[in-house]
C-alpha atoms as a PDB file:
ATOM      1  CA  MET A   1     -73.904 -65.397  24.972  1.00  0.00           C
ATOM      2  CA  ARG A   2     -71.703 -68.588  25.089  1.00  0.00           C
ATOM      3  CA  PRO A   3     -68.617 -68.685  22.922  1.00  0.00           C
ATOM      4  CA  GLU A   4     -69.085 -70.624  19.430  1.00  0.00           C
ATOM      5  CA  ASN A   5     -66.628 -73.332  20.072  1.00  0.00           C
ATOM      6  CA  PRO A   6     -66.262 -73.453  23.789  1.00  0.00           C
ATOM      7  CA  GLU A   7     -64.112 -76.638  23.876  1.00  0.00           C
ATOM      8  CA  PRO A   8     -62.028 -76.692  20.905  1.00  0.00           C
ATOM      9  CA  PHE A   9     -60.582 -80.106  19.840  1.00  0.00           C
ATOM     10  CA  THR A  10     -59.626 -82.333  17.066  1.00  0.00           C
ATOM     11  CA  ALA A  11     -60.170 -85.823  16.187  1.00  0.00           C
ATOM     12  CA  ILE A  12     -59.045 -88.790  14.421  1.00  0.00           C
ATOM     13  CA  GLY A  13     -60.387 -92.410  13.855  1.00  0.00           C
ATOM     14  CA  LEU A  14     -59.302 -95.461  12.121  1.00  0.00           C
ATOM     15  CA  LEU A  15     -61.639 -97.413   9.856  1.00  0.00           C
ATOM     16  CA  ASN A  16     -61.276-100.638   7.893  1.00  0.00           C
ATOM     17  CA  GLU A  17     -60.718-100.897   4.085  1.00  0.00           C
ATOM     18  CA  GLU A  18     -64.423-100.075   3.393  1.00  0.00           C
ATOM     19  CA  CYS A  19     -64.116 -96.824   5.902  1.00  0.00           C
ATOM     20  CA  LYS A  20     -66.400 -98.605   8.378  1.00  0.00           C
ATOM     21  CA  ILE A  21     -65.563 -99.271  12.210  1.00  0.00           C
ATOM     22  CA  GLY A  22     -64.696-103.110  12.930  1.00  0.00           C
ATOM     23  CA  GLU A  23     -63.284-106.289  10.795  1.00  0.00           C
ATOM     24  CA  TYR A  24     -59.762-104.818  10.951  1.00  0.00           C
ATOM     25  CA  PRO A  25     -57.239-107.529   9.729  1.00  0.00           C
ATOM     26  CA  LYS A  26     -55.451-109.150  12.388  1.00  0.00           C
ATOM     27  CA  VAL A  27     -52.617-111.140  10.532  1.00  0.00           C
ATOM     28  CA  VAL A  28     -50.713-109.803   7.498  1.00  0.00           C
ATOM     29  CA  TRP A  29     -47.432-111.012   5.672  1.00  0.00           C
ATOM     30  CA  ASN A  30     -44.121-109.394   6.342  1.00  0.00           C
ATOM     31  CA  SER A  31     -43.648-106.399   4.053  1.00  0.00           C
ATOM     32  CA  SER A  32     -47.144-106.490   2.617  1.00  0.00           C
ATOM     33  CA  SER A  33     -49.450-103.772   2.397  1.00  0.00           C
ATOM     34  CA  ILE A  34     -53.272-103.115   3.612  1.00  0.00           C
ATOM     35  CA  ASP A  35     -55.649-100.702   3.018  1.00  0.00           C
ATOM     36  CA  LEU A  36     -57.457 -98.952   5.862  1.00  0.00           C
ATOM     37  CA  CYS A  37     -59.277 -95.734   5.960  1.00  0.00           C
ATOM     38  CA  ILE A  38     -58.444 -92.615   8.251  1.00  0.00           C
ATOM     39  CA  TYR A  39     -61.250 -90.136   9.700  1.00  0.00           C
ATOM     40  CA  ALA A  40     -59.955 -86.600  10.965  1.00  0.00           C
ATOM     41  CA  ALA A  41     -61.983 -83.729  12.039  1.00  0.00           C
ATOM     42  CA  ASN A  42     -61.224 -80.043  13.100  1.00  0.00           C
ATOM     43  CA  TYR A  43     -63.292 -78.137  15.681  1.00  0.00           C
ATOM     44  CA  LEU A  44     -60.785 -75.717  16.731  1.00  0.00           C
ATOM     45  CA  GLY A  45     -62.911 -72.984  15.937  1.00  0.00           C
ATOM     46  CA  ARG A  46     -61.023 -71.807  12.915  1.00  0.00           C
ATOM     47  CA  PRO A  47     -59.652 -73.813   9.510  1.00  0.00           C
ATOM     48  CA  GLY A  48     -56.293 -75.609   9.844  1.00  0.00           C
ATOM     49  CA  TYR A  49     -53.896 -77.353   7.767  1.00  0.00           C
ATOM     50  CA  PHE A  50     -53.407 -80.943   9.041  1.00  0.00           C
ATOM     51  CA  LYS A  51     -51.446 -83.984   8.368  1.00  0.00           C
ATOM     52  CA  VAL A  52     -51.796 -87.737   9.620  1.00  0.00           C
ATOM     53  CA  VAL A  53     -48.165 -89.418   9.896  1.00  0.00           C
ATOM     54  CA  TYR A  54     -47.917 -93.371   9.964  1.00  0.00           C
ATOM     55  CA  LYS A  55     -45.525 -95.241  11.951  1.00  0.00           C
ATOM     56  CA  LEU A  56     -44.999 -98.614  13.192  1.00  0.00           C
ATOM     57  CA  ALA A  57     -44.422 -98.820  16.838  1.00  0.00           C
ATOM     58  CA  LEU A  58     -43.981-101.578  19.744  1.00  0.00           C
ATOM     59  CA  ASN A  59     -45.618-101.052  23.066  1.00  0.00           C
ATOM     60  CA  GLU A  60     -42.830 -99.170  24.431  1.00  0.00           C
ATOM     61  CA  THR A  61     -42.865 -96.571  21.859  1.00  0.00           C
ATOM     62  CA  LEU A  62     -46.548 -95.842  21.321  1.00  0.00           C
ATOM     63  CA  PRO A  63     -47.248 -92.344  21.305  1.00  0.00           C
ATOM     64  CA  THR A  64     -49.048 -90.526  24.373  1.00  0.00           C
ATOM     65  CA  ASN A  65     -51.546 -87.746  24.636  1.00  0.00           C
ATOM     66  CA  ILE A  66     -48.436 -85.254  25.140  1.00  0.00           C
ATOM     67  CA  THR A  67     -45.658 -87.033  23.092  1.00  0.00           C
ATOM     68  CA  PRO A  68     -45.593 -88.467  19.673  1.00  0.00           C
ATOM     69  CA  SER A  69     -44.098 -92.041  19.000  1.00  0.00           C
ATOM     70  CA  PRO A  70     -40.202 -91.728  18.408  1.00  0.00           C
ATOM     71  CA  GLU A  71     -40.390 -93.982  15.680  1.00  0.00           C
ATOM     72  CA  GLN A  72     -39.328 -93.271  11.940  1.00  0.00           C
ATOM     73  CA  VAL A  73     -42.505 -91.409   9.681  1.00  0.00           C
ATOM     74  CA  LEU A  74     -43.394 -93.913   7.087  1.00  0.00           C
ATOM     75  CA  SER A  75     -45.878 -92.126   5.145  1.00  0.00           C
ATOM     76  CA  GLU A  76     -47.965 -88.899   5.664  1.00  0.00           C
ATOM     77  CA  TRP A  77     -50.929 -87.246   4.124  1.00  0.00           C
ATOM     78  CA  ARG A  78     -51.763 -83.506   4.435  1.00  0.00           C
ATOM     79  CA  PHE A  79     -54.965 -81.519   3.895  1.00  0.00           C
ATOM     80  CA  VAL A  80     -57.041 -78.524   4.898  1.00  0.00           C
ATOM     81  CA  LEU A  81     -60.062 -78.708   7.073  1.00  0.00           C
ATOM     82  CA  GLY A  82     -62.384 -75.923   7.721  1.00  0.00           C
ATOM     83  CA  ASN A  83     -63.964 -75.207  11.252  1.00  0.00           C
ATOM     84  CA  SER A  84     -66.278 -78.032  12.085  1.00  0.00           C
ATOM     85  CA  GLU A  85     -65.460 -79.872   9.020  1.00  0.00           C
ATOM     86  CA  ASP A  86     -64.084 -83.496   8.848  1.00  0.00           C
ATOM     87  CA  LYS A  87     -62.439 -85.848   6.024  1.00  0.00           C
ATOM     88  CA  THR A  88     -62.503 -89.571   5.716  1.00  0.00           C
ATOM     89  CA  PHE A  89     -59.733 -90.962   3.207  1.00  0.00           C
ATOM     90  CA  PRO A  90     -58.348 -94.440   2.164  1.00  0.00           C
ATOM     91  CA  VAL A  91     -54.759 -95.169   2.839  1.00  0.00           C
ATOM     92  CA  ASN A  92     -52.532 -97.902   1.850  1.00  0.00           C
ATOM     93  CA  VAL A  93     -49.692 -98.691   4.335  1.00  0.00           C
ATOM     94  CA  THR A  94     -46.752-101.332   4.194  1.00  0.00           C
ATOM     95  CA  VAL A  95     -46.643-103.458   7.356  1.00  0.00           C
ATOM     96  CA  TYR A  96     -43.399-105.163   8.341  1.00  0.00           C
ATOM     97  CA  SER A  97     -41.473-106.792  11.480  1.00  0.00           C
ATOM     98  CA  LEU A  98     -39.980-104.141  13.715  1.00  0.00           C
ATOM     99  CA  ARG A  99     -36.865-104.812  15.401  1.00  0.00           C
ATOM    100  CA  GLY A 100     -37.693-108.812  14.900  1.00  0.00           C
ATOM    101  CA  GLU A 101     -41.110-108.296  16.804  1.00  0.00           C
ATOM    102  CA  THR A 102     -44.093-110.045  15.373  1.00  0.00           C
ATOM    103  CA  ARG A 103     -46.568-108.258  16.990  1.00  0.00           C
ATOM    104  CA  ILE A 104     -46.352-104.502  16.032  1.00  0.00           C
ATOM    105  CA  ALA A 105     -48.596-101.323  16.063  1.00  0.00           C
ATOM    106  CA  LEU A 106     -49.764 -99.516  12.960  1.00  0.00           C
ATOM    107  CA  VAL A 107     -49.913 -95.733  14.460  1.00  0.00           C
ATOM    108  CA  PHE A 108     -51.576 -92.810  13.049  1.00  0.00           C
ATOM    109  CA  GLU A 109     -50.841 -89.612  14.632  1.00  0.00           C
ATOM    110  CA  LEU A 110     -52.638 -86.081  13.891  1.00  0.00           C
ATOM    111  CA  TRP A 111     -50.590 -82.975  13.546  1.00  0.00           C
ATOM    112  CA  PHE A 112     -51.638 -79.417  12.702  1.00  0.00           C
ATOM    113  CA  TYR A 113     -49.325 -76.794  11.269  1.00  0.00           C
ATOM    114  CA  ASP A 114     -49.069 -73.709  13.858  1.00  0.00           C
ATOM    115  CA  ASN A 115     -49.001 -70.582  11.838  1.00  0.00           C
ATOM    116  CA  SER A 116     -47.503 -68.588  14.687  1.00  0.00           C
ATOM    117  CA  LYS A 117     -44.443 -71.197  15.486  1.00  0.00           C
ATOM    118  CA  ARG A 118     -44.162 -71.697  11.738  1.00  0.00           C
ATOM    119  CA  GLU A 119     -43.868 -75.498  12.596  1.00  0.00           C
ATOM    120  CA  TRP A 120     -45.980 -78.829  12.777  1.00  0.00           C
ATOM    121  CA  SER A 121     -47.091 -79.351  16.324  1.00  0.00           C
ATOM    122  CA  TYR A 122     -48.583 -82.728  17.478  1.00  0.00           C
ATOM    123  CA  THR A 123     -52.308 -82.544  18.394  1.00  0.00           C
ATOM    124  CA  GLY A 124     -52.083 -85.367  21.117  1.00  0.00           C
ATOM    125  CA  ARG A 125     -54.540 -87.594  18.868  1.00  0.00           C
ATOM    126  CA  TRP A 126     -53.534 -90.689  17.699  1.00  0.00           C
ATOM    127  CA  VAL A 127     -54.866 -94.223  16.788  1.00  0.00           C
ATOM    128  CA  HIS A 128     -53.104 -97.700  16.570  1.00  0.00           C
ATOM    129  CA  LEU A 129     -54.157-100.965  15.491  1.00  0.00           C
ATOM    130  CA  TYR A 130     -52.119-104.101  16.664  1.00  0.00           C
ATOM    131  CA  ILE A 131     -51.130-106.562  13.737  1.00  0.00           C
ATOM    132  CA  ASN A 132     -49.275-109.968  13.871  1.00  0.00           C
ATOM    133  CA  ILE A 133     -46.685-110.330  11.398  1.00  0.00           C
ATOM    134  CA  THR A 134     -46.540-113.593   9.450  1.00  0.00           C
ATOM    135  CA  VAL A 135     -42.779-114.152   8.355  1.00  0.00           C
END
């Protein structure tokens, strides 16, 4: 017999304001807000408490699959997902120039609460969208 979940994983996706893939905004006014949707999925083999954190980043401060972005958390959304469960939800995020740069990345990182450590752990899953800022 094979295990129920041979390769446990989590997933995150970025969708447009209609919660569909594609047709993302490319240019926005400085300090304006935009609507997007986030998709998150849990296939860890057990229920989990998750959060998605939103940050603005530059090329040199993007996250990796082992380290989150060092940039400041601007917003977060928390939720519980059962095993093999996913969730899609709308978000409204503020976008502004970062350190004078007009091309920035909107970064969304997926985190889970590790009960054994009693702390949040970065999953290594993240998505980003480059936006040009009009000042």
